[in-house]
Amino acid sequence: MSDVKNIYRLTYETLKDNSLLSEAEFNEQIECWRNYPNKFQNNDDFFELLIEITFYSGFRSKVVSEKLNEIKKSLGNYQKVKDCTFEDVEIFLKKGGIIANASKVCLTILNARKFDEIINKFGSFKKYLQSFNFNGTKGVWNEDIERLYEDIKRRFYYLGEVTTYHFLMDIGAFCIKPDRQIIALLKNLGKVEGNERGLNQKVIDIGREMAEETGEEIRVVDIVLVTMRQGDALGFESHPPVCPNQCDNKCKLYGKYCSGDKATRR
């Protein structure tokens, strides 16, 4: 068994053994993540994903998750949001139960206008994706999808190098998001080092290799790796993630692949 395949297997088993969910509940959540890209069918689905990524960026996942329904209720209709004024922003910021961040609200309005431009030009967001020959094809990342990556990153606010991978991963592209939690985990495991050149690409390549060697959906690979460090999913919403809090007594990677939380000390 290759290193990356074994690392993924042990990570998965560690989460399953330590989750507060029953085995059936854990398997049910994993199945939901396997099917996650299928939820994006209409324009509103894609725009809500833009909202999610915008508000999760730079914020703790748990903080945003608690307020996400209210945020979507207020900002989820791009056709209305694109016409919002400064007065509308002020009203939104004064509402209770939301994240009152003026920058994120204003840039969501600008993204709604960008999104509307795409719909007017292509007819739907799906047709825009299809203009790059993207149909959520499993296991594929080619020049067309690379062009789509660059186009989305150019068009939308809050979609940078990492968050654009996040957007594409969620709708079915063959990539994981190389965020700081996954990078920290892979540093601990000796799979990446420091701030080496091409770090994000190396992390994505490792995620793809895990998916290919295990036959798992790459969206599941991502959620498993990030939950190990961040929690907030798979039954870890109300207690600390295994890494780096509970290395020696709960983590099946400890000893064989990892000797502790080296990444946070670098």
C-alpha atoms as a PDB file:
ATOM      1  CA  MET A   1       0.000   0.000   0.000  1.00  0.00           C
ATOM      2  CA  SER A   2       1.413   3.405  -0.962  1.00  0.00           C
ATOM      3  CA  ASP A   3       2.097   6.078   1.661  1.00  0.00           C
ATOM      4  CA  VAL A   4      -0.666   8.415   0.516  1.00  0.00           C
ATOM      5  CA  LYS A   5      -3.231   5.615   0.373  1.00  0.00           C
ATOM      6  CA  ASN A   6      -2.301   4.433   3.861  1.00  0.00           C
ATOM      7  CA  ILE A   7      -2.268   7.995   5.224  1.00  0.00           C
ATOM      8  CA  TYR A   8      -5.779   8.572   3.911  1.00  0.00           C
ATOM      9  CA  ARG A   9      -6.998   5.229   5.289  1.00  0.00           C
ATOM     10  CA  LEU A  10      -5.586   5.927   8.761  1.00  0.00           C
ATOM     11  CA  THR A  11      -6.930   9.488   8.756  1.00  0.00           C
ATOM     12  CA  TYR A  12     -10.387   8.250   7.818  1.00  0.00           C
ATOM     13  CA  GLU A  13     -10.291   5.525  10.495  1.00  0.00           C
ATOM     14  CA  THR A  14      -9.113   8.015  13.125  1.00  0.00           C
ATOM     15  CA  LEU A  15     -12.045  10.318  12.409  1.00  0.00           C
ATOM     16  CA  LYS A  16     -14.556   7.490  12.334  1.00  0.00           C
ATOM     17  CA  ASP A  17     -13.312   6.061  15.641  1.00  0.00           C
ATOM     18  CA  ASN A  18     -13.334   9.418  17.443  1.00  0.00           C
ATOM     19  CA  SER A  19     -16.447  11.019  15.965  1.00  0.00           C
ATOM     20  CA  LEU A  20     -19.416  11.654  18.240  1.00  0.00           C
ATOM     21  CA  LEU A  21     -21.592  10.220  15.463  1.00  0.00           C
ATOM     22  CA  SER A  22     -22.665   6.613  15.342  1.00  0.00           C
ATOM     23  CA  GLU A  23     -21.122   4.536  12.559  1.00  0.00           C
ATOM     24  CA  ALA A  24     -24.346   4.780  10.564  1.00  0.00           C
ATOM     25  CA  GLU A  25     -24.510   8.566  11.016  1.00  0.00           C
ATOM     26  CA  PHE A  26     -20.843   8.952  10.078  1.00  0.00           C
ATOM     27  CA  ASN A  27     -21.333   6.891   6.919  1.00  0.00           C
ATOM     28  CA  GLU A  28     -24.427   8.923   6.055  1.00  0.00           C
ATOM     29  CA  GLN A  29     -22.482  12.190   6.284  1.00  0.00           C
ATOM     30  CA  ILE A  30     -19.658  10.774   4.152  1.00  0.00           C
ATOM     31  CA  GLU A  31     -22.233   9.773   1.543  1.00  0.00           C
ATOM     32  CA  CYS A  32     -23.603  13.329   1.550  1.00  0.00           C
ATOM     33  CA  TRP A  33     -20.113  14.669   0.788  1.00  0.00           C
ATOM     34  CA  ARG A  34     -19.715  12.096  -2.007  1.00  0.00           C
ATOM     35  CA  ASN A  35     -22.815  13.521  -3.634  1.00  0.00           C
ATOM     36  CA  TYR A  36     -22.119  17.149  -2.729  1.00  0.00           C
ATOM     37  CA  PRO A  37     -21.373  18.394  -6.295  1.00  0.00           C
ATOM     38  CA  ASN A  38     -24.793  17.152  -7.421  1.00  0.00           C
ATOM     39  CA  LYS A  39     -26.528  19.876  -5.385  1.00  0.00           C
ATOM     40  CA  PHE A  40     -25.489  22.587  -7.857  1.00  0.00           C
ATOM     41  CA  GLN A  41     -28.175  22.595 -10.507  1.00  0.00           C
ATOM     42  CA  ASN A  42     -29.500  26.132 -10.965  1.00  0.00           C
ATOM     43  CA  ASN A  43     -28.182  29.673 -10.912  1.00  0.00           C
ATOM     44  CA  ASP A  44     -29.121  30.310  -7.290  1.00  0.00           C
ATOM     45  CA  ASP A  45     -27.185  27.223  -6.167  1.00  0.00           C
ATOM     46  CA  PHE A  46     -23.984  28.543  -7.706  1.00  0.00           C
ATOM     47  CA  PHE A  47     -24.488  32.049  -6.366  1.00  0.00           C
ATOM     48  CA  GLU A  48     -25.098  30.746  -2.854  1.00  0.00           C
ATOM     49  CA  LEU A  49     -21.784  28.913  -3.119  1.00  0.00           C
ATOM     50  CA  LEU A  50     -20.110  32.232  -3.929  1.00  0.00           C
ATOM     51  CA  ILE A  51     -21.696  33.665  -0.787  1.00  0.00           C
ATOM     52  CA  GLU A  52     -20.520  30.744   1.339  1.00  0.00           C
ATOM     53  CA  ILE A  53     -16.930  31.029   0.165  1.00  0.00           C
ATOM     54  CA  THR A  54     -16.940  34.808   0.602  1.00  0.00           C
ATOM     55  CA  PHE A  55     -18.112  34.646   4.202  1.00  0.00           C
ATOM     56  CA  TYR A  56     -16.107  31.574   5.240  1.00  0.00           C
ATOM     57  CA  SER A  57     -12.906  33.154   3.923  1.00  0.00           C
ATOM     58  CA  GLY A  58     -10.827  34.298   6.909  1.00  0.00           C
ATOM     59  CA  PHE A  59     -13.509  33.371   9.474  1.00  0.00           C
ATOM     60  CA  ARG A  60     -13.844  30.330  11.693  1.00  0.00           C
ATOM     61  CA  SER A  61     -16.092  27.793  10.032  1.00  0.00           C
ATOM     62  CA  LYS A  62     -18.317  27.355  13.082  1.00  0.00           C
ATOM     63  CA  VAL A  63     -18.981  31.112  13.359  1.00  0.00           C
ATOM     64  CA  VAL A  64     -20.157  31.338   9.746  1.00  0.00           C
ATOM     65  CA  SER A  65     -22.152  28.086   9.809  1.00  0.00           C
ATOM     66  CA  GLU A  66     -24.296  29.372  12.671  1.00  0.00           C
ATOM     67  CA  LYS A  67     -25.301  32.461  10.672  1.00  0.00           C
ATOM     68  CA  LEU A  68     -25.252  31.110   7.122  1.00  0.00           C
ATOM     69  CA  ASN A  69     -28.995  30.575   6.715  1.00  0.00           C
ATOM     70  CA  GLU A  70     -29.717  34.194   7.652  1.00  0.00           C
ATOM     71  CA  ILE A  71     -26.943  35.440   5.354  1.00  0.00           C
ATOM     72  CA  LYS A  72     -28.369  33.468   2.434  1.00  0.00           C
ATOM     73  CA  LYS A  73     -31.881  34.653   3.209  1.00  0.00           C
ATOM     74  CA  SER A  74     -30.708  38.248   2.903  1.00  0.00           C
ATOM     75  CA  LEU A  75     -28.189  37.934   0.056  1.00  0.00           C
ATOM     76  CA  GLY A  76     -29.029  34.721  -1.780  1.00  0.00           C
ATOM     77  CA  ASN A  77     -31.104  36.184  -4.628  1.00  0.00           C
ATOM     78  CA  TYR A  78     -28.512  37.614  -7.004  1.00  0.00           C
ATOM     79  CA  GLN A  79     -31.179  39.367  -9.130  1.00  0.00           C
ATOM     80  CA  LYS A  80     -32.228  41.463  -6.131  1.00  0.00           C
ATOM     81  CA  VAL A  81     -28.781  41.791  -4.574  1.00  0.00           C
ATOM     82  CA  LYS A  82     -27.194  43.229  -7.722  1.00  0.00           C
ATOM     83  CA  ASP A  83     -29.376  46.329  -7.366  1.00  0.00           C
ATOM     84  CA  CYS A  84     -28.587  46.944  -3.683  1.00  0.00           C
ATOM     85  CA  THR A  85     -27.527  50.435  -2.636  1.00  0.00           C
ATOM     86  CA  PHE A  86     -25.353  51.769   0.193  1.00  0.00           C
ATOM     87  CA  GLU A  87     -28.541  52.256   2.182  1.00  0.00           C
ATOM     88  CA  ASP A  88     -29.380  48.573   1.721  1.00  0.00           C
ATOM     89  CA  VAL A  89     -25.920  47.634   2.971  1.00  0.00           C
ATOM     90  CA  GLU A  90     -26.420  49.711   6.104  1.00  0.00           C
ATOM     91  CA  ILE A  91     -29.764  48.018   6.752  1.00  0.00           C
ATOM     92  CA  PHE A  92     -28.208  44.597   6.340  1.00  0.00           C
ATOM     93  CA  LEU A  93     -25.312  45.410   8.688  1.00  0.00           C
ATOM     94  CA  LYS A  94     -27.767  46.440  11.411  1.00  0.00           C
ATOM     95  CA  LYS A  95     -29.688  43.173  11.252  1.00  0.00           C
ATOM     96  CA  GLY A  96     -29.262  40.667  14.018  1.00  0.00           C
ATOM     97  CA  GLY A  97     -28.115  37.092  13.453  1.00  0.00           C
ATOM     98  CA  ILE A  98     -25.719  37.844  10.608  1.00  0.00           C
ATOM     99  CA  ILE A  99     -22.025  38.615  10.191  1.00  0.00           C
ATOM    100  CA  ALA A 100     -21.868  42.395   9.987  1.00  0.00           C
ATOM    101  CA  ASN A 101     -18.824  42.690   7.766  1.00  0.00           C
ATOM    102  CA  ALA A 102     -19.169  45.615   5.361  1.00  0.00           C
ATOM    103  CA  SER A 103     -16.454  44.401   2.992  1.00  0.00           C
ATOM    104  CA  LYS A 104     -18.010  40.966   2.538  1.00  0.00           C
ATOM    105  CA  VAL A 105     -21.478  42.420   2.031  1.00  0.00           C
ATOM    106  CA  CYS A 106     -20.337  45.022  -0.508  1.00  0.00           C
ATOM    107  CA  LEU A 107     -18.249  42.537  -2.464  1.00  0.00           C
ATOM    108  CA  THR A 108     -21.158  40.080  -2.497  1.00  0.00           C
ATOM    109  CA  ILE A 109     -23.210  42.798  -4.194  1.00  0.00           C
ATOM    110  CA  LEU A 110     -20.445  43.311  -6.754  1.00  0.00           C
ATOM    111  CA  ASN A 111     -20.265  39.544  -7.283  1.00  0.00           C
ATOM    112  CA  ALA A 112     -24.023  39.503  -7.875  1.00  0.00           C
ATOM    113  CA  ARG A 113     -23.506  41.995 -10.697  1.00  0.00           C
ATOM    114  CA  LYS A 114     -20.682  39.904 -12.169  1.00  0.00           C
ATOM    115  CA  PHE A 115     -22.848  36.812 -11.851  1.00  0.00           C
ATOM    116  CA  ASP A 116     -25.743  38.547 -13.595  1.00  0.00           C
ATOM    117  CA  GLU A 117     -23.439  39.501 -16.478  1.00  0.00           C
ATOM    118  CA  ILE A 118     -22.576  35.819 -16.944  1.00  0.00           C
ATOM    119  CA  ILE A 119     -26.237  34.780 -16.937  1.00  0.00           C
ATOM    120  CA  ASN A 120     -27.134  37.477 -19.474  1.00  0.00           C
ATOM    121  CA  LYS A 121     -24.307  36.398 -21.764  1.00  0.00           C
ATOM    122  CA  PHE A 122     -24.539  32.599 -21.509  1.00  0.00           C
ATOM    123  CA  GLY A 123     -28.132  31.993 -20.406  1.00  0.00           C
ATOM    124  CA  SER A 124     -27.205  30.158 -17.195  1.00  0.00           C
ATOM    125  CA  PHE A 125     -24.194  29.533 -15.014  1.00  0.00           C
ATOM    126  CA  LYS A 126     -24.159  25.906 -16.136  1.00  0.00           C
ATOM    127  CA  LYS A 127     -23.882  27.012 -19.756  1.00  0.00           C
ATOM    128  CA  TYR A 128     -21.006  29.310 -18.755  1.00  0.00           C
ATOM    129  CA  LEU A 129     -19.216  26.287 -17.242  1.00  0.00           C
ATOM    130  CA  GLN A 130     -19.983  24.227 -20.333  1.00  0.00           C
ATOM    131  CA  SER A 131     -18.339  26.899 -22.509  1.00  0.00           C
ATOM    132  CA  PHE A 132     -15.098  25.629 -20.915  1.00  0.00           C
ATOM    133  CA  ASN A 133     -16.158  22.009 -21.533  1.00  0.00           C
ATOM    134  CA  PHE A 134     -16.793  21.590 -17.810  1.00  0.00           C
ATOM    135  CA  ASN A 135     -19.563  19.195 -16.842  1.00  0.00           C
ATOM    136  CA  GLY A 136     -18.292  18.113 -13.430  1.00  0.00           C
ATOM    137  CA  THR A 137     -16.422  15.239 -15.075  1.00  0.00           C
ATOM    138  CA  LYS A 138     -14.892  13.059 -12.375  1.00  0.00           C
ATOM    139  CA  GLY A 139     -11.143  12.625 -12.253  1.00  0.00           C
ATOM    140  CA  VAL A 140     -10.391  15.242 -14.926  1.00  0.00           C
ATOM    141  CA  TRP A 141      -8.295  18.417 -14.768  1.00  0.00           C
ATOM    142  CA  ASN A 142      -7.186  19.650 -18.171  1.00  0.00           C
ATOM    143  CA  GLU A 143      -6.341  22.873 -20.026  1.00  0.00           C
ATOM    144  CA  ASP A 144     -10.022  23.805 -20.394  1.00  0.00           C
ATOM    145  CA  ILE A 145     -10.598  23.571 -16.634  1.00  0.00           C
ATOM    146  CA  GLU A 146      -7.379  25.483 -16.008  1.00  0.00           C
ATOM    147  CA  ARG A 147      -8.767  28.268 -18.221  1.00  0.00           C
ATOM    148  CA  LEU A 148     -12.032  28.136 -16.255  1.00  0.00           C
ATOM    149  CA  TYR A 149     -10.052  28.398 -13.019  1.00  0.00           C
ATOM    150  CA  GLU A 150      -8.286  31.534 -14.269  1.00  0.00           C
ATOM    151  CA  ASP A 151     -11.512  33.067 -15.579  1.00  0.00           C
ATOM    152  CA  ILE A 152     -13.420  32.562 -12.319  1.00  0.00           C
ATOM    153  CA  LYS A 153     -10.495  33.892 -10.291  1.00  0.00           C
ATOM    154  CA  ARG A 154     -10.404  36.995 -12.517  1.00  0.00           C
ATOM    155  CA  ARG A 155     -14.129  37.666 -12.440  1.00  0.00           C
ATOM    156  CA  PHE A 156     -15.139  37.332  -8.809  1.00  0.00           C
ATOM    157  CA  TYR A 157     -14.106  39.071  -5.603  1.00  0.00           C
ATOM    158  CA  TYR A 158     -12.923  36.862  -2.721  1.00  0.00           C
ATOM    159  CA  LEU A 159     -12.041  34.101  -5.158  1.00  0.00           C
ATOM    160  CA  GLY A 160      -8.261  33.996  -5.068  1.00  0.00           C
ATOM    161  CA  GLU A 161      -5.800  31.181  -5.685  1.00  0.00           C
ATOM    162  CA  VAL A 162      -7.080  28.904  -2.898  1.00  0.00           C
ATOM    163  CA  THR A 163     -10.762  29.876  -2.810  1.00  0.00           C
ATOM    164  CA  THR A 164     -11.166  29.369  -6.562  1.00  0.00           C
ATOM    165  CA  TYR A 165     -10.022  25.782  -6.083  1.00  0.00           C
ATOM    166  CA  HIS A 166     -12.615  25.577  -3.301  1.00  0.00           C
ATOM    167  CA  PHE A 167     -15.371  26.776  -5.640  1.00  0.00           C
ATOM    168  CA  LEU A 168     -14.411  24.355  -8.406  1.00  0.00           C
ATOM    169  CA  MET A 169     -13.979  21.436  -5.999  1.00  0.00           C
ATOM    170  CA  ASP A 170     -17.474  21.934  -4.606  1.00  0.00           C
ATOM    171  CA  ILE A 171     -19.058  21.818  -8.064  1.00  0.00           C
ATOM    172  CA  GLY A 172     -17.173  18.658  -9.024  1.00  0.00           C
ATOM    173  CA  ALA A 173     -13.709  19.576 -10.326  1.00  0.00           C
ATOM    174  CA  PHE A 174     -10.826  17.193  -9.643  1.00  0.00           C
ATOM    175  CA  CYS A 175      -9.029  19.197  -6.955  1.00  0.00           C
ATOM    176  CA  ILE A 176      -8.963  19.819  -3.237  1.00  0.00           C
ATOM    177  CA  LYS A 177      -8.594  23.275  -1.693  1.00  0.00           C
ATOM    178  CA  PRO A 178      -5.015  23.751  -0.476  1.00  0.00           C
ATOM    179  CA  ASP A 179      -5.990  25.668   2.662  1.00  0.00           C
ATOM    180  CA  ARG A 180      -3.818  26.223   5.720  1.00  0.00           C
ATOM    181  CA  GLN A 181      -5.355  23.364   7.726  1.00  0.00           C
ATOM    182  CA  ILE A 182      -4.639  20.732   5.091  1.00  0.00           C
ATOM    183  CA  ILE A 183      -1.169  22.181   4.536  1.00  0.00           C
ATOM    184  CA  ALA A 184      -0.478  21.980   8.297  1.00  0.00           C
ATOM    185  CA  LEU A 185      -1.586  18.343   8.379  1.00  0.00           C
ATOM    186  CA  LEU A 186       0.567  17.380   5.397  1.00  0.00           C
ATOM    187  CA  LYS A 187       3.553  19.213   6.913  1.00  0.00           C
ATOM    188  CA  ASN A 188       3.185  17.145  10.071  1.00  0.00           C
ATOM    189  CA  LEU A 189       3.160  14.027   7.938  1.00  0.00           C
ATOM    190  CA  GLY A 190       6.298  15.083   6.053  1.00  0.00           C
ATOM    191  CA  LYS A 191       4.536  15.264   2.698  1.00  0.00           C
ATOM    192  CA  VAL A 192       5.217  18.990   2.177  1.00  0.00           C
ATOM    193  CA  GLU A 193       7.751  21.346   3.694  1.00  0.00           C
ATOM    194  CA  GLY A 194       7.821  25.007   4.752  1.00  0.00           C
ATOM    195  CA  ASN A 195       6.766  27.398   2.029  1.00  0.00           C
ATOM    196  CA  GLU A 196       8.316  25.424  -0.793  1.00  0.00           C
ATOM    197  CA  ARG A 197       7.725  26.611  -4.330  1.00  0.00           C
ATOM    198  CA  GLY A 198       4.525  25.256  -5.792  1.00  0.00           C
ATOM    199  CA  LEU A 199       3.189  24.288  -2.345  1.00  0.00           C
ATOM    200  CA  ASN A 200      -0.483  24.648  -3.278  1.00  0.00           C
ATOM    201  CA  GLN A 201      -0.044  22.552  -6.400  1.00  0.00           C
ATOM    202  CA  LYS A 202       1.782  19.857  -4.447  1.00  0.00           C
ATOM    203  CA  VAL A 203      -1.061  19.696  -1.922  1.00  0.00           C
ATOM    204  CA  ILE A 204      -3.606  19.395  -4.733  1.00  0.00           C
ATOM    205  CA  ASP A 205      -1.531  16.636  -6.361  1.00  0.00           C
ATOM    206  CA  ILE A 206      -1.483  14.705  -3.074  1.00  0.00           C
ATOM    207  CA  GLY A 207      -5.266  15.030  -2.807  1.00  0.00           C
ATOM    208  CA  ARG A 208      -5.679  13.753  -6.345  1.00  0.00           C
ATOM    209  CA  GLU A 209      -3.342  10.847  -5.679  1.00  0.00           C
ATOM    210  CA  MET A 210      -5.350   9.899  -2.586  1.00  0.00           C
ATOM    211  CA  ALA A 211      -8.579   9.971  -4.594  1.00  0.00           C
ATOM    212  CA  GLU A 212      -7.099   7.912  -7.423  1.00  0.00           C
ATOM    213  CA  GLU A 213      -5.503   5.265  -5.192  1.00  0.00           C
ATOM    214  CA  THR A 214      -8.486   4.844  -2.868  1.00  0.00           C
ATOM    215  CA  GLY A 215     -11.272   5.261  -5.427  1.00  0.00           C
ATOM    216  CA  GLU A 216     -12.807   7.914  -3.157  1.00  0.00           C
ATOM    217  CA  GLU A 217     -14.520  11.072  -4.378  1.00  0.00           C
ATOM    218  CA  ILE A 218     -12.084  13.957  -4.112  1.00  0.00           C
ATOM    219  CA  ARG A 219     -14.638  16.072  -2.205  1.00  0.00           C
ATOM    220  CA  VAL A 220     -14.584  13.413   0.520  1.00  0.00           C
ATOM    221  CA  VAL A 221     -10.775  13.391   0.553  1.00  0.00           C
ATOM    222  CA  ASP A 222     -10.852  17.128   1.214  1.00  0.00           C
ATOM    223  CA  ILE A 223     -13.415  17.004   4.034  1.00  0.00           C
ATOM    224  CA  VAL A 224     -11.567  14.134   5.726  1.00  0.00           C
ATOM    225  CA  LEU A 225      -8.217  15.937   5.645  1.00  0.00           C
ATOM    226  CA  VAL A 226      -9.576  19.299   6.773  1.00  0.00           C
ATOM    227  CA  THR A 227     -11.713  17.779   9.554  1.00  0.00           C
ATOM    228  CA  MET A 228      -8.630  16.139  11.029  1.00  0.00           C
ATOM    229  CA  ARG A 229      -7.202  19.619  11.705  1.00  0.00           C
ATOM    230  CA  GLN A 230     -10.239  21.870  11.900  1.00  0.00           C
ATOM    231  CA  GLY A 231     -13.152  19.795  13.132  1.00  0.00           C
ATOM    232  CA  ASP A 232     -16.562  21.382  12.435  1.00  0.00           C
ATOM    233  CA  ALA A 233     -17.771  18.348  10.453  1.00  0.00           C
ATOM    234  CA  LEU A 234     -18.270  14.574  10.655  1.00  0.00           C
ATOM    235  CA  GLY A 235     -19.229  14.673  14.343  1.00  0.00           C
ATOM    236  CA  PHE A 236     -16.459  17.040  15.480  1.00  0.00           C
ATOM    237  CA  GLU A 237     -18.613  20.156  15.667  1.00  0.00           C
ATOM    238  CA  SER A 238     -18.707  20.220  19.464  1.00  0.00           C
ATOM    239  CA  HIS A 239     -15.279  18.876  20.426  1.00  0.00           C
ATOM    240  CA  PRO A 240     -11.682  19.579  19.337  1.00  0.00           C
ATOM    241  CA  PRO A 241     -10.232  18.058  16.168  1.00  0.00           C
ATOM    242  CA  VAL A 242      -7.839  15.150  16.641  1.00  0.00           C
ATOM    243  CA  CYS A 243      -4.852  17.026  15.220  1.00  0.00           C
ATOM    244  CA  PRO A 244      -3.028  18.668  16.965  1.00  0.00           C
ATOM    245  CA  ASN A 245      -4.942  18.328  20.225  1.00  0.00           C
ATOM    246  CA  GLN A 246      -5.031  14.568  20.704  1.00  0.00           C
ATOM    247  CA  CYS A 247      -2.053  13.218  18.764  1.00  0.00           C
ATOM    248  CA  ASP A 248      -0.590  10.457  20.891  1.00  0.00           C
ATOM    249  CA  ASN A 249      -3.706   8.798  22.264  1.00  0.00           C
ATOM    250  CA  LYS A 250      -6.210   8.955  19.398  1.00  0.00           C
ATOM    251  CA  CYS A 251      -4.446   9.489  16.072  1.00  0.00           C
ATOM    252  CA  LYS A 252      -3.598   6.382  14.061  1.00  0.00           C
ATOM    253  CA  LEU A 253      -1.034   8.388  12.091  1.00  0.00           C
ATOM    254  CA  TYR A 254       0.944   9.139  15.251  1.00  0.00           C
ATOM    255  CA  GLY A 255       4.202   7.254  15.482  1.00  0.00           C
ATOM    256  CA  LYS A 256       4.142   5.798  11.966  1.00  0.00           C
ATOM    257  CA  TYR A 257       3.850   9.038   9.981  1.00  0.00           C
ATOM    258  CA  CYS A 258       3.825  11.828  12.560  1.00  0.00           C
ATOM    259  CA  SER A 259       5.557  12.611  15.850  1.00  0.00           C
ATOM    260  CA  GLY A 260       3.435  15.582  16.867  1.00  0.00           C
ATOM    261  CA  ASP A 261       2.354  19.000  15.689  1.00  0.00           C
ATOM    262  CA  LYS A 262       5.525  20.090  13.900  1.00  0.00           C
ATOM    263  CA  ALA A 263       3.712  22.387  11.480  1.00  0.00           C
ATOM    264  CA  THR A 264       2.624  24.912  14.093  1.00  0.00           C
ATOM    265  CA  ARG A 265       6.183  25.261  15.369  1.00  0.00           C
ATOM    266  CA  ARG A 266       7.732  26.075  12.001  1.00  0.00           C
END
